[in-house]
Amino acid sequence: MHRRTCPAFASLAPARRGVGDEHVATDRSPSPPEGVPVEPVYAGVNLVGRAAIAALGLRVAVNGAEHLPTSGPAIVVMPHSSFVDFPLAELAARRQRRYLRFLCRHDVWEPPRARRLIAGAMDAMGHVPVDRAAPAYAYLRARRHLEAGEVIGVFPEAGISTSFTVRALMPGAAALAAETGAPIVPLVTWGTQRISRVGAPPETTRGRPVDVVLGAPRRLAPDADPREETVRLGRELQAMLEEVQRLPRHRPRPGEWAPWYPAHLGGHAPTPAEARQVEQVPRSAVPAVWAPGARVSGAGRASAPRPAPPPRAAAEPRDRARGSSLPTRGR
């Protein structure tokens, strides 16, 4: 059956050099245009991020950056599969000469003293601390950024996905979009999970391919239902993520042990059902009815996924021999 391709992926299709899939250009962020103020702290952090990308020899491809408006408010919404998703998303934003104001875990701002420097930098960059026990403050700060014409960056999964699928999402981004009129711009990164992910030591292998893809912006009606729109967003993000995961440059080699690749595509990462056993998801999150293999039952609740495909089953002896790639609680 023919599979429709998201327009944002048109430039990712194999075209150049016969196998153009193997060629990825390294990103170069533009200088700010005349009249646009440079933020020294943010510019310095971005410089460090670009230096790290260069040191690792990452082959970064940014596609769809034009979907991020060059002025006015916007909400960049992205799934979270790695500890290094932040600099790649910001690198894409700099192509449009924008700074992302991320919503981040509040404990980054808290003691011990070693974090004071980080907290000061986070404040200088306009990032927003999120306390799940009292989320109203983050919502109001994010709304203030949007009213000032800024771009906020949101990881609505409220954590890192260990299954490399889009897990349950918080509805706050959709609520902000409906209230402020700011467009939602979906963004996915892939390849960063090879560098740093939950339950695995960092990898420093040079030359890894990394893709950053932005989808078309979408505005919500003022009376839109945030939870319904979050389901729509989850399906969109999952489709975008899976499309880039399927690119030949990101697939495991035949017979390769791949705990960094989703199970439903033949990798050895935990399935969404396995991941739910250890991932801590807020009760107010919208269930991942878009998850691969999930079925909708009752009032939009996701039931147990279908069994994993044969490639996963064929690798089960190695799973037992090497141990599970699932992290344990508290790790």
C-alpha atoms as a PDB file:
ATOM      1  CA  MET A   1       0.000   0.000   0.000  1.00  0.00           C
ATOM      2  CA  HIS A   2       1.283   3.451  -0.860  1.00  0.00           C
ATOM      3  CA  ARG A   3       2.316   5.440   2.228  1.00  0.00           C
ATOM      4  CA  ARG A   4       1.692   9.181   2.086  1.00  0.00           C
ATOM      5  CA  THR A   5       4.713  11.348   2.779  1.00  0.00           C
ATOM      6  CA  CYS A   6       4.568  14.450   4.927  1.00  0.00           C
ATOM      7  CA  PRO A   7       5.593  17.513   2.852  1.00  0.00           C
ATOM      8  CA  ALA A   8       8.300  18.305   5.395  1.00  0.00           C
ATOM      9  CA  PHE A   9      10.054  15.081   4.371  1.00  0.00           C
ATOM     10  CA  ALA A  10      10.165  15.815   0.642  1.00  0.00           C
ATOM     11  CA  SER A  11      13.819  16.863   0.820  1.00  0.00           C
ATOM     12  CA  LEU A  12      14.712  13.762   2.862  1.00  0.00           C
ATOM     13  CA  ALA A  13      13.783  11.312   0.127  1.00  0.00           C
ATOM     14  CA  PRO A  14      16.797   9.660  -1.588  1.00  0.00           C
ATOM     15  CA  ALA A  15      17.703  11.845  -4.521  1.00  0.00           C
ATOM     16  CA  ARG A  16      21.293  13.005  -4.666  1.00  0.00           C
ATOM     17  CA  ARG A  17      24.342  10.908  -5.518  1.00  0.00           C
ATOM     18  CA  GLY A  18      22.125   8.048  -6.536  1.00  0.00           C
ATOM     19  CA  VAL A  19      21.721   7.101  -2.904  1.00  0.00           C
ATOM     20  CA  GLY A  20      21.406  10.707  -1.683  1.00  0.00           C
ATOM     21  CA  ASP A  21      20.209   9.265   1.599  1.00  0.00           C
ATOM     22  CA  GLU A  22      23.818   8.934   2.736  1.00  0.00           C
ATOM     23  CA  HIS A  23      24.716  12.593   2.252  1.00  0.00           C
ATOM     24  CA  VAL A  24      23.756  14.982   5.013  1.00  0.00           C
ATOM     25  CA  ALA A  25      24.970  18.566   5.167  1.00  0.00           C
ATOM     26  CA  THR A  26      26.229  20.030   8.437  1.00  0.00           C
ATOM     27  CA  ASP A  27      24.119  22.963   9.596  1.00  0.00           C
ATOM     28  CA  ARG A  28      25.530  26.480   9.741  1.00  0.00           C
ATOM     29  CA  SER A  29      23.419  28.949  11.691  1.00  0.00           C
ATOM     30  CA  PRO A  30      23.098  32.417  10.154  1.00  0.00           C
ATOM     31  CA  SER A  31      24.161  35.627  11.813  1.00  0.00           C
ATOM     32  CA  PRO A  32      21.308  37.708  13.244  1.00  0.00           C
ATOM     33  CA  PRO A  33      19.962  40.266  10.761  1.00  0.00           C
ATOM     34  CA  GLU A  34      20.330  43.981  11.317  1.00  0.00           C
ATOM     35  CA  GLY A  35      17.986  45.217  14.032  1.00  0.00           C
ATOM     36  CA  VAL A  36      17.639  41.850  15.783  1.00  0.00           C
ATOM     37  CA  PRO A  37      19.329  41.973  19.214  1.00  0.00           C
ATOM     38  CA  VAL A  38      21.928  39.354  20.067  1.00  0.00           C
ATOM     39  CA  GLU A  39      21.471  37.712  23.470  1.00  0.00           C
ATOM     40  CA  PRO A  40      25.023  37.201  24.771  1.00  0.00           C
ATOM     41  CA  VAL A  41      24.329  34.294  27.117  1.00  0.00           C
ATOM     42  CA  TYR A  42      22.145  32.430  24.622  1.00  0.00           C
ATOM     43  CA  ALA A  43      24.614  33.140  21.807  1.00  0.00           C
ATOM     44  CA  GLY A  44      27.440  31.774  23.957  1.00  0.00           C
ATOM     45  CA  VAL A  45      25.509  28.612  24.817  1.00  0.00           C
ATOM     46  CA  ASN A  46      24.669  28.111  21.147  1.00  0.00           C
ATOM     47  CA  LEU A  47      28.350  28.490  20.289  1.00  0.00           C
ATOM     48  CA  VAL A  48      29.208  25.746  22.785  1.00  0.00           C
ATOM     49  CA  GLY A  49      26.473  23.563  21.289  1.00  0.00           C
ATOM     50  CA  ARG A  50      27.777  24.040  17.749  1.00  0.00           C
ATOM     51  CA  ALA A  51      31.302  23.256  18.959  1.00  0.00           C
ATOM     52  CA  ALA A  52      30.060  19.993  20.494  1.00  0.00           C
ATOM     53  CA  ILE A  53      28.259  19.098  17.256  1.00  0.00           C
ATOM     54  CA  ALA A  54      31.458  19.761  15.306  1.00  0.00           C
ATOM     55  CA  ALA A  55      33.580  17.781  17.793  1.00  0.00           C
ATOM     56  CA  LEU A  56      31.307  14.767  17.358  1.00  0.00           C
ATOM     57  CA  GLY A  57      31.301  15.207  13.584  1.00  0.00           C
ATOM     58  CA  LEU A  58      27.501  14.992  13.566  1.00  0.00           C
ATOM     59  CA  ARG A  59      25.962  15.108  10.101  1.00  0.00           C
ATOM     60  CA  VAL A  60      22.985  17.319  10.891  1.00  0.00           C
ATOM     61  CA  ALA A  61      20.180  17.793   8.369  1.00  0.00           C
ATOM     62  CA  VAL A  62      17.526  20.416   9.124  1.00  0.00           C
ATOM     63  CA  ASN A  63      14.385  20.261   7.022  1.00  0.00           C
ATOM     64  CA  GLY A  64      11.264  22.414   7.175  1.00  0.00           C
ATOM     65  CA  ALA A  65      12.873  25.282   9.134  1.00  0.00           C
ATOM     66  CA  GLU A  66      10.838  27.704   7.024  1.00  0.00           C
ATOM     67  CA  HIS A  67       7.735  26.553   8.903  1.00  0.00           C
ATOM     68  CA  LEU A  68       8.916  28.467  11.964  1.00  0.00           C
ATOM     69  CA  PRO A  69       7.786  32.098  11.560  1.00  0.00           C
ATOM     70  CA  THR A  70      10.555  34.694  11.559  1.00  0.00           C
ATOM     71  CA  SER A  71       8.509  36.958  13.804  1.00  0.00           C
ATOM     72  CA  GLY A  72       5.587  36.696  16.183  1.00  0.00           C
ATOM     73  CA  PRO A  73       4.694  34.005  18.704  1.00  0.00           C
ATOM     74  CA  ALA A  74       4.878  30.277  18.043  1.00  0.00           C
ATOM     75  CA  ILE A  75       4.809  27.058  20.057  1.00  0.00           C
ATOM     76  CA  VAL A  76       7.386  24.478  18.958  1.00  0.00           C
ATOM     77  CA  VAL A  77       6.206  21.087  20.203  1.00  0.00           C
ATOM     78  CA  MET A  78       8.522  18.090  20.078  1.00  0.00           C
ATOM     79  CA  PRO A  79       8.848  14.528  21.399  1.00  0.00           C
ATOM     80  CA  HIS A  80      11.782  13.834  23.708  1.00  0.00           C
ATOM     81  CA  SER A  81      14.031  10.842  23.032  1.00  0.00           C
ATOM     82  CA  SER A  82      17.440  12.077  24.179  1.00  0.00           C
ATOM     83  CA  PHE A  83      19.202  14.336  26.655  1.00  0.00           C
ATOM     84  CA  VAL A  84      20.625  16.364  23.748  1.00  0.00           C
ATOM     85  CA  ASP A  85      17.414  17.244  21.903  1.00  0.00           C
ATOM     86  CA  PHE A  86      17.575  20.848  23.167  1.00  0.00           C
ATOM     87  CA  PRO A  87      20.595  22.136  21.187  1.00  0.00           C
ATOM     88  CA  LEU A  88      19.403  20.494  17.970  1.00  0.00           C
ATOM     89  CA  ALA A  89      15.987  22.150  18.229  1.00  0.00           C
ATOM     90  CA  GLU A  90      17.612  25.512  18.967  1.00  0.00           C
ATOM     91  CA  LEU A  91      19.978  25.027  16.027  1.00  0.00           C
ATOM     92  CA  ALA A  92      16.944  24.676  13.757  1.00  0.00           C
ATOM     93  CA  ALA A  93      15.352  27.777  15.277  1.00  0.00           C
ATOM     94  CA  ARG A  94      18.468  29.845  14.579  1.00  0.00           C
ATOM     95  CA  ARG A  95      17.942  29.216  10.874  1.00  0.00           C
ATOM     96  CA  GLN A  96      14.927  31.492  11.257  1.00  0.00           C
ATOM     97  CA  ARG A  97      16.878  33.781  13.628  1.00  0.00           C
ATOM     98  CA  ARG A  98      14.680  32.854  16.594  1.00  0.00           C
ATOM     99  CA  TYR A  99      15.498  31.860  20.161  1.00  0.00           C
ATOM    100  CA  LEU A 100      13.496  29.090  21.819  1.00  0.00           C
ATOM    101  CA  ARG A 101      12.279  29.644  25.379  1.00  0.00           C
ATOM    102  CA  PHE A 102      12.120  26.080  26.673  1.00  0.00           C
ATOM    103  CA  LEU A 103       9.845  24.776  29.398  1.00  0.00           C
ATOM    104  CA  CYS A 104      12.198  22.672  31.553  1.00  0.00           C
ATOM    105  CA  ARG A 105      12.227  20.681  34.786  1.00  0.00           C
ATOM    106  CA  HIS A 106      12.164  23.034  37.751  1.00  0.00           C
ATOM    107  CA  ASP A 107      14.907  21.191  39.652  1.00  0.00           C
ATOM    108  CA  VAL A 108      17.507  22.656  37.273  1.00  0.00           C
ATOM    109  CA  TRP A 109      16.951  25.946  39.162  1.00  0.00           C
ATOM    110  CA  GLU A 110      17.239  24.409  42.620  1.00  0.00           C
ATOM    111  CA  PRO A 111      20.232  23.832  44.962  1.00  0.00           C
ATOM    112  CA  PRO A 112      22.936  22.513  45.353  1.00  0.00           C
ATOM    113  CA  ARG A 113      25.224  25.460  44.718  1.00  0.00           C
ATOM    114  CA  ALA A 114      26.783  23.811  41.692  1.00  0.00           C
ATOM    115  CA  ARG A 115      23.549  24.534  39.841  1.00  0.00           C
ATOM    116  CA  ARG A 116      23.514  28.259  40.520  1.00  0.00           C
ATOM    117  CA  LEU A 117      25.503  29.054  37.390  1.00  0.00           C
ATOM    118  CA  ILE A 118      23.158  26.891  35.318  1.00  0.00           C
ATOM    119  CA  ALA A 119      20.106  28.483  36.912  1.00  0.00           C
ATOM    120  CA  GLY A 120      21.442  31.945  36.126  1.00  0.00           C
ATOM    121  CA  ALA A 121      22.052  30.986  32.513  1.00  0.00           C
ATOM    122  CA  MET A 122      18.582  29.448  32.224  1.00  0.00           C
ATOM    123  CA  ASP A 123      17.024  32.678  33.489  1.00  0.00           C
ATOM    124  CA  ALA A 124      19.139  34.763  31.117  1.00  0.00           C
ATOM    125  CA  MET A 125      17.946  32.637  28.186  1.00  0.00           C
ATOM    126  CA  GLY A 126      14.313  33.041  29.201  1.00  0.00           C
ATOM    127  CA  HIS A 127      13.635  29.379  29.893  1.00  0.00           C
ATOM    128  CA  VAL A 128      10.685  28.482  32.106  1.00  0.00           C
ATOM    129  CA  PRO A 129      10.829  26.137  35.134  1.00  0.00           C
ATOM    130  CA  VAL A 130       7.994  23.590  35.272  1.00  0.00           C
ATOM    131  CA  ASP A 131       6.893  22.112  38.584  1.00  0.00           C
ATOM    132  CA  ARG A 132       4.385  19.313  37.951  1.00  0.00           C
ATOM    133  CA  ALA A 133       2.933  19.834  41.423  1.00  0.00           C
ATOM    134  CA  ALA A 134       2.161  23.493  40.624  1.00  0.00           C
ATOM    135  CA  PRO A 135       2.062  23.887  36.817  1.00  0.00           C
ATOM    136  CA  ALA A 136       0.095  27.167  36.743  1.00  0.00           C
ATOM    137  CA  TYR A 137       3.250  29.269  37.116  1.00  0.00           C
ATOM    138  CA  ALA A 138       4.862  27.713  34.034  1.00  0.00           C
ATOM    139  CA  TYR A 139       1.664  28.149  32.026  1.00  0.00           C
ATOM    140  CA  LEU A 140       1.451  31.852  32.916  1.00  0.00           C
ATOM    141  CA  ARG A 141       5.144  32.444  32.165  1.00  0.00           C
ATOM    142  CA  ALA A 142       4.818  30.666  28.819  1.00  0.00           C
ATOM    143  CA  ARG A 143       1.731  32.713  27.985  1.00  0.00           C
ATOM    144  CA  ARG A 144       3.618  35.896  28.810  1.00  0.00           C
ATOM    145  CA  HIS A 145       6.413  34.879  26.404  1.00  0.00           C
ATOM    146  CA  LEU A 146       3.865  34.276  23.641  1.00  0.00           C
ATOM    147  CA  GLU A 147       2.132  37.588  24.279  1.00  0.00           C
ATOM    148  CA  ALA A 148       5.560  39.238  23.861  1.00  0.00           C
ATOM    149  CA  GLY A 149       5.984  37.562  20.455  1.00  0.00           C
ATOM    150  CA  GLU A 150       8.478  34.917  21.590  1.00  0.00           C
ATOM    151  CA  VAL A 151       8.799  31.260  20.555  1.00  0.00           C
ATOM    152  CA  ILE A 152       8.448  28.677  23.306  1.00  0.00           C
ATOM    153  CA  GLY A 153       9.743  25.115  23.110  1.00  0.00           C
ATOM    154  CA  VAL A 154       7.632  22.397  24.713  1.00  0.00           C
ATOM    155  CA  PHE A 155       8.323  18.715  25.357  1.00  0.00           C
ATOM    156  CA  PRO A 156       4.712  17.690  26.120  1.00  0.00           C
ATOM    157  CA  GLU A 157       5.642  14.108  27.066  1.00  0.00           C
ATOM    158  CA  ALA A 158       6.896  15.475  30.422  1.00  0.00           C
ATOM    159  CA  GLY A 159       9.863  13.122  30.204  1.00  0.00           C
ATOM    160  CA  ILE A 160      12.037  11.131  27.833  1.00  0.00           C
ATOM    161  CA  SER A 161      10.475   8.276  25.864  1.00  0.00           C
ATOM    162  CA  THR A 162      12.354   4.998  26.302  1.00  0.00           C
ATOM    163  CA  SER A 163      10.379   3.253  23.547  1.00  0.00           C
ATOM    164  CA  PHE A 164      11.257   5.941  20.961  1.00  0.00           C
ATOM    165  CA  THR A 165       7.578   6.408  20.195  1.00  0.00           C
ATOM    166  CA  VAL A 166       5.504   9.423  21.210  1.00  0.00           C
ATOM    167  CA  ARG A 167       4.200   8.668  24.684  1.00  0.00           C
ATOM    168  CA  ALA A 168       1.266  10.288  26.537  1.00  0.00           C
ATOM    169  CA  LEU A 169       1.170  14.075  26.098  1.00  0.00           C
ATOM    170  CA  MET A 170       0.246  16.928  28.411  1.00  0.00           C
ATOM    171  CA  PRO A 171      -2.476  19.181  26.934  1.00  0.00           C
ATOM    172  CA  GLY A 172      -0.861  22.475  27.977  1.00  0.00           C
ATOM    173  CA  ALA A 173       0.613  23.306  24.554  1.00  0.00           C
ATOM    174  CA  ALA A 174      -2.786  22.966  22.879  1.00  0.00           C
ATOM    175  CA  ALA A 175      -4.407  25.064  25.618  1.00  0.00           C
ATOM    176  CA  LEU A 176      -1.824  27.824  25.101  1.00  0.00           C
ATOM    177  CA  ALA A 177      -2.323  27.722  21.333  1.00  0.00           C
ATOM    178  CA  ALA A 178      -6.100  28.043  21.676  1.00  0.00           C
ATOM    179  CA  GLU A 179      -5.861  30.869  24.217  1.00  0.00           C
ATOM    180  CA  THR A 180      -3.154  32.974  22.554  1.00  0.00           C
ATOM    181  CA  GLY A 181      -3.667  32.234  18.849  1.00  0.00           C
ATOM    182  CA  ALA A 182       0.008  31.255  18.492  1.00  0.00           C
ATOM    183  CA  PRO A 183       0.549  28.505  15.897  1.00  0.00           C
ATOM    184  CA  ILE A 184       1.794  25.063  16.906  1.00  0.00           C
ATOM    185  CA  VAL A 185       4.901  24.018  14.957  1.00  0.00           C
ATOM    186  CA  PRO A 186       5.662  20.266  15.336  1.00  0.00           C
ATOM    187  CA  LEU A 187       9.338  19.292  15.422  1.00  0.00           C
ATOM    188  CA  VAL A 188      11.056  15.920  15.640  1.00  0.00           C
ATOM    189  CA  THR A 189      14.713  15.027  16.070  1.00  0.00           C
ATOM    190  CA  TRP A 190      16.204  11.615  15.418  1.00  0.00           C
ATOM    191  CA  GLY A 191      19.753  10.354  15.741  1.00  0.00           C
ATOM    192  CA  THR A 192      20.351  12.092  19.066  1.00  0.00           C
ATOM    193  CA  GLN A 193      19.333   8.921  20.918  1.00  0.00           C
ATOM    194  CA  ARG A 194      22.522   7.285  19.596  1.00  0.00           C
ATOM    195  CA  ILE A 195      24.533   9.892  21.521  1.00  0.00           C
ATOM    196  CA  SER A 196      22.719  10.031  24.855  1.00  0.00           C
ATOM    197  CA  ARG A 197      19.574   8.246  26.049  1.00  0.00           C
ATOM    198  CA  VAL A 198      17.983   6.963  29.236  1.00  0.00           C
ATOM    199  CA  GLY A 199      19.627   3.883  30.720  1.00  0.00           C
ATOM    200  CA  ALA A 200      22.747   3.949  28.496  1.00  0.00           C
ATOM    201  CA  PRO A 201      26.175   5.616  28.753  1.00  0.00           C
ATOM    202  CA  PRO A 202      26.934   8.453  26.302  1.00  0.00           C
ATOM    203  CA  GLU A 203      28.341   7.431  22.916  1.00  0.00           C
ATOM    204  CA  THR A 204      31.006   9.528  21.219  1.00  0.00           C
ATOM    205  CA  THR A 205      31.226   7.754  17.867  1.00  0.00           C
ATOM    206  CA  ARG A 206      31.889  10.414  15.246  1.00  0.00           C
ATOM    207  CA  GLY A 207      29.850  10.987  12.130  1.00  0.00           C
ATOM    208  CA  ARG A 208      26.389  10.011  13.373  1.00  0.00           C
ATOM    209  CA  PRO A 209      23.522  11.257  11.184  1.00  0.00           C
ATOM    210  CA  VAL A 210      20.979  13.476  12.936  1.00  0.00           C
ATOM    211  CA  ASP A 211      17.747  14.749  11.405  1.00  0.00           C
ATOM    212  CA  VAL A 212      15.699  17.697  12.605  1.00  0.00           C
ATOM    213  CA  VAL A 213      12.335  18.082  10.868  1.00  0.00           C
ATOM    214  CA  LEU A 214       9.735  20.806  11.351  1.00  0.00           C
ATOM    215  CA  GLY A 215       6.146  20.397  10.168  1.00  0.00           C
ATOM    216  CA  ALA A 216       3.668  22.986   8.934  1.00  0.00           C
ATOM    217  CA  PRO A 217       2.308  25.409  11.562  1.00  0.00           C
ATOM    218  CA  ARG A 218      -1.274  24.989  12.714  1.00  0.00           C
ATOM    219  CA  ARG A 219      -3.515  27.452  14.536  1.00  0.00           C
ATOM    220  CA  LEU A 220      -6.284  26.338  16.866  1.00  0.00           C
ATOM    221  CA  ALA A 221      -9.697  27.901  17.240  1.00  0.00           C
ATOM    222  CA  PRO A 222     -10.247  29.741  20.545  1.00  0.00           C
ATOM    223  CA  ASP A 223     -12.888  27.179  21.534  1.00  0.00           C
ATOM    224  CA  ALA A 224     -10.807  24.136  20.541  1.00  0.00           C
ATOM    225  CA  ASP A 225     -10.784  21.241  23.014  1.00  0.00           C
ATOM    226  CA  PRO A 226      -7.166  20.965  24.271  1.00  0.00           C
ATOM    227  CA  ARG A 227      -7.373  17.200  24.840  1.00  0.00           C
ATOM    228  CA  GLU A 228      -8.835  16.479  21.405  1.00  0.00           C
ATOM    229  CA  GLU A 229      -6.210  18.698  19.792  1.00  0.00           C
ATOM    230  CA  THR A 230      -3.512  16.923  21.797  1.00  0.00           C
ATOM    231  CA  VAL A 231      -4.624  13.580  20.340  1.00  0.00           C
ATOM    232  CA  ARG A 232      -4.360  15.108  16.875  1.00  0.00           C
ATOM    233  CA  LEU A 233      -0.907  16.462  17.751  1.00  0.00           C
ATOM    234  CA  GLY A 234       0.219  13.080  19.073  1.00  0.00           C
ATOM    235  CA  ARG A 235      -0.752  11.387  15.829  1.00  0.00           C
ATOM    236  CA  GLU A 236       1.060  14.043  13.807  1.00  0.00           C
ATOM    237  CA  LEU A 237       4.248  13.795  15.860  1.00  0.00           C
ATOM    238  CA  GLN A 238       4.221   9.982  15.749  1.00  0.00           C
ATOM    239  CA  ALA A 239       3.810  10.017  11.950  1.00  0.00           C
ATOM    240  CA  MET A 240       6.667  12.527  11.541  1.00  0.00           C
ATOM    241  CA  LEU A 241       8.938  10.630  13.923  1.00  0.00           C
ATOM    242  CA  GLU A 242       8.299   7.271  12.291  1.00  0.00           C
ATOM    243  CA  GLU A 243       8.915   8.699   8.823  1.00  0.00           C
ATOM    244  CA  VAL A 244      12.401   9.856   9.749  1.00  0.00           C
ATOM    245  CA  GLN A 245      13.114   6.665  11.728  1.00  0.00           C
ATOM    246  CA  ARG A 246      12.476   4.661   8.559  1.00  0.00           C
ATOM    247  CA  LEU A 247      15.148   6.490   6.556  1.00  0.00           C
ATOM    248  CA  PRO A 248      17.902   4.052   5.502  1.00  0.00           C
ATOM    249  CA  ARG A 249      20.618   6.097   7.198  1.00  0.00           C
ATOM    250  CA  HIS A 250      18.920   5.537  10.560  1.00  0.00           C
ATOM    251  CA  ARG A 251      18.059   1.843  10.262  1.00  0.00           C
ATOM    252  CA  PRO A 252      20.099  -0.815  12.078  1.00  0.00           C
ATOM    253  CA  ARG A 253      22.330  -3.018   9.990  1.00  0.00           C
ATOM    254  CA  PRO A 254      21.065  -6.591   9.418  1.00  0.00           C
ATOM    255  CA  GLY A 255      21.566  -8.561  12.613  1.00  0.00           C
ATOM    256  CA  GLU A 256      22.677  -5.498  14.612  1.00  0.00           C
ATOM    257  CA  TRP A 257      21.696  -5.244  18.275  1.00  0.00           C
ATOM    258  CA  ALA A 258      19.698  -1.994  18.298  1.00  0.00           C
ATOM    259  CA  PRO A 259      18.317  -0.925  21.715  1.00  0.00           C
ATOM    260  CA  TRP A 260      18.255   2.602  20.256  1.00  0.00           C
ATOM    261  CA  TYR A 261      15.652   1.729  17.588  1.00  0.00           C
ATOM    262  CA  PRO A 262      11.884   1.263  18.164  1.00  0.00           C
ATOM    263  CA  ALA A 263      10.584  -2.274  18.560  1.00  0.00           C
ATOM    264  CA  HIS A 264       7.674  -1.922  16.106  1.00  0.00           C
ATOM    265  CA  LEU A 265      10.204  -1.151  13.334  1.00  0.00           C
ATOM    266  CA  GLY A 266      12.396  -4.144  14.199  1.00  0.00           C
ATOM    267  CA  GLY A 267      14.679  -2.647  16.849  1.00  0.00           C
ATOM    268  CA  HIS A 268      15.296  -3.757  20.419  1.00  0.00           C
ATOM    269  CA  ALA A 269      14.041  -0.769  22.418  1.00  0.00           C
ATOM    270  CA  PRO A 270      11.249  -1.443  24.921  1.00  0.00           C
ATOM    271  CA  THR A 271       7.781  -1.607  23.434  1.00  0.00           C
ATOM    272  CA  PRO A 272       5.372   1.170  24.482  1.00  0.00           C
ATOM    273  CA  ALA A 273       3.669  -1.313  26.841  1.00  0.00           C
ATOM    274  CA  GLU A 274       7.008  -2.238  28.459  1.00  0.00           C
ATOM    275  CA  ALA A 275       8.038   1.399  28.728  1.00  0.00           C
ATOM    276  CA  ARG A 276       4.819   2.317  30.520  1.00  0.00           C
ATOM    277  CA  GLN A 277       5.822   0.010  33.370  1.00  0.00           C
ATOM    278  CA  VAL A 278       8.792   2.238  34.293  1.00  0.00           C
ATOM    279  CA  GLU A 279       8.026   5.678  32.849  1.00  0.00           C
ATOM    280  CA  GLN A 280       6.410   8.149  35.218  1.00  0.00           C
ATOM    281  CA  VAL A 281       3.620   9.966  33.386  1.00  0.00           C
ATOM    282  CA  PRO A 282       1.372  12.599  35.022  1.00  0.00           C
ATOM    283  CA  ARG A 283      -2.231  11.524  35.500  1.00  0.00           C
ATOM    284  CA  SER A 284      -3.476  14.536  33.549  1.00  0.00           C
ATOM    285  CA  ALA A 285      -1.608  13.447  30.402  1.00  0.00           C
ATOM    286  CA  VAL A 286      -3.615  12.455  27.326  1.00  0.00           C
ATOM    287  CA  PRO A 287      -3.177   8.667  26.768  1.00  0.00           C
ATOM    288  CA  ALA A 288      -1.074   7.679  23.761  1.00  0.00           C
ATOM    289  CA  VAL A 289      -3.883   6.290  21.585  1.00  0.00           C
ATOM    290  CA  TRP A 290      -1.549   7.007  18.638  1.00  0.00           C
ATOM    291  CA  ALA A 291       1.117   4.585  19.886  1.00  0.00           C
ATOM    292  CA  PRO A 292       2.065   1.815  17.418  1.00  0.00           C
ATOM    293  CA  GLY A 293      -0.203  -1.154  18.042  1.00  0.00           C
ATOM    294  CA  ALA A 294      -2.470   0.700  20.478  1.00  0.00           C
ATOM    295  CA  ARG A 295      -6.235   0.183  20.248  1.00  0.00           C
ATOM    296  CA  VAL A 296      -8.796   2.664  21.478  1.00  0.00           C
ATOM    297  CA  SER A 297     -11.270   1.355  24.011  1.00  0.00           C
ATOM    298  CA  GLY A 298     -13.829   3.113  26.154  1.00  0.00           C
ATOM    299  CA  ALA A 299     -13.560   6.885  26.349  1.00  0.00           C
ATOM    300  CA  GLY A 300     -10.400   7.279  24.302  1.00  0.00           C
ATOM    301  CA  ARG A 301      -8.219   5.101  26.528  1.00  0.00           C
ATOM    302  CA  ALA A 302      -5.412   3.092  24.993  1.00  0.00           C
ATOM    303  CA  SER A 303      -5.594  -0.646  25.520  1.00  0.00           C
ATOM    304  CA  ALA A 304      -2.657  -3.030  25.457  1.00  0.00           C
ATOM    305  CA  PRO A 305      -0.632  -2.941  22.229  1.00  0.00           C
ATOM    306  CA  ARG A 306      -0.702  -5.797  19.768  1.00  0.00           C
ATOM    307  CA  PRO A 307       2.209  -8.244  19.827  1.00  0.00           C
ATOM    308  CA  ALA A 308       5.469  -6.913  18.388  1.00  0.00           C
ATOM    309  CA  PRO A 309       6.373  -7.865  14.790  1.00  0.00           C
ATOM    310  CA  PRO A 310       8.563 -10.851  13.840  1.00  0.00           C
ATOM    311  CA  PRO A 311      11.901  -8.910  13.765  1.00  0.00           C
ATOM    312  CA  ARG A 312      11.546  -8.240  17.485  1.00  0.00           C
ATOM    313  CA  ALA A 313      10.480 -11.797  18.265  1.00  0.00           C
ATOM    314  CA  ALA A 314      13.435 -13.179  16.332  1.00  0.00           C
ATOM    315  CA  ALA A 315      15.820 -11.197  18.526  1.00  0.00           C
ATOM    316  CA  GLU A 316      14.348 -12.292  21.868  1.00  0.00           C
ATOM    317  CA  PRO A 317      17.126 -14.826  22.622  1.00  0.00           C
ATOM    318  CA  ARG A 318      19.620 -11.959  22.429  1.00  0.00           C
ATOM    319  CA  ASP A 319      17.372  -9.849  24.655  1.00  0.00           C
ATOM    320  CA  ARG A 320      17.621 -12.501  27.330  1.00  0.00           C
ATOM    321  CA  ALA A 321      21.355 -12.988  26.814  1.00  0.00           C
ATOM    322  CA  ARG A 322      22.256  -9.298  27.012  1.00  0.00           C
ATOM    323  CA  GLY A 323      19.549  -8.166  29.396  1.00  0.00           C
ATOM    324  CA  SER A 324      16.750  -5.672  28.985  1.00  0.00           C
ATOM    325  CA  SER A 325      17.425  -2.106  27.805  1.00  0.00           C
ATOM    326  CA  LEU A 326      14.686  -0.838  30.130  1.00  0.00           C
ATOM    327  CA  PRO A 327      15.852   1.472  32.910  1.00  0.00           C
ATOM    328  CA  THR A 328      14.689   0.731  36.429  1.00  0.00           C
ATOM    329  CA  ARG A 329      12.802   3.187  38.607  1.00  0.00           C
ATOM    330  CA  GLY A 330      15.071   5.623  40.355  1.00  0.00           C
ATOM    331  CA  ARG A 331      17.989   5.167  37.966  1.00  0.00           C
END
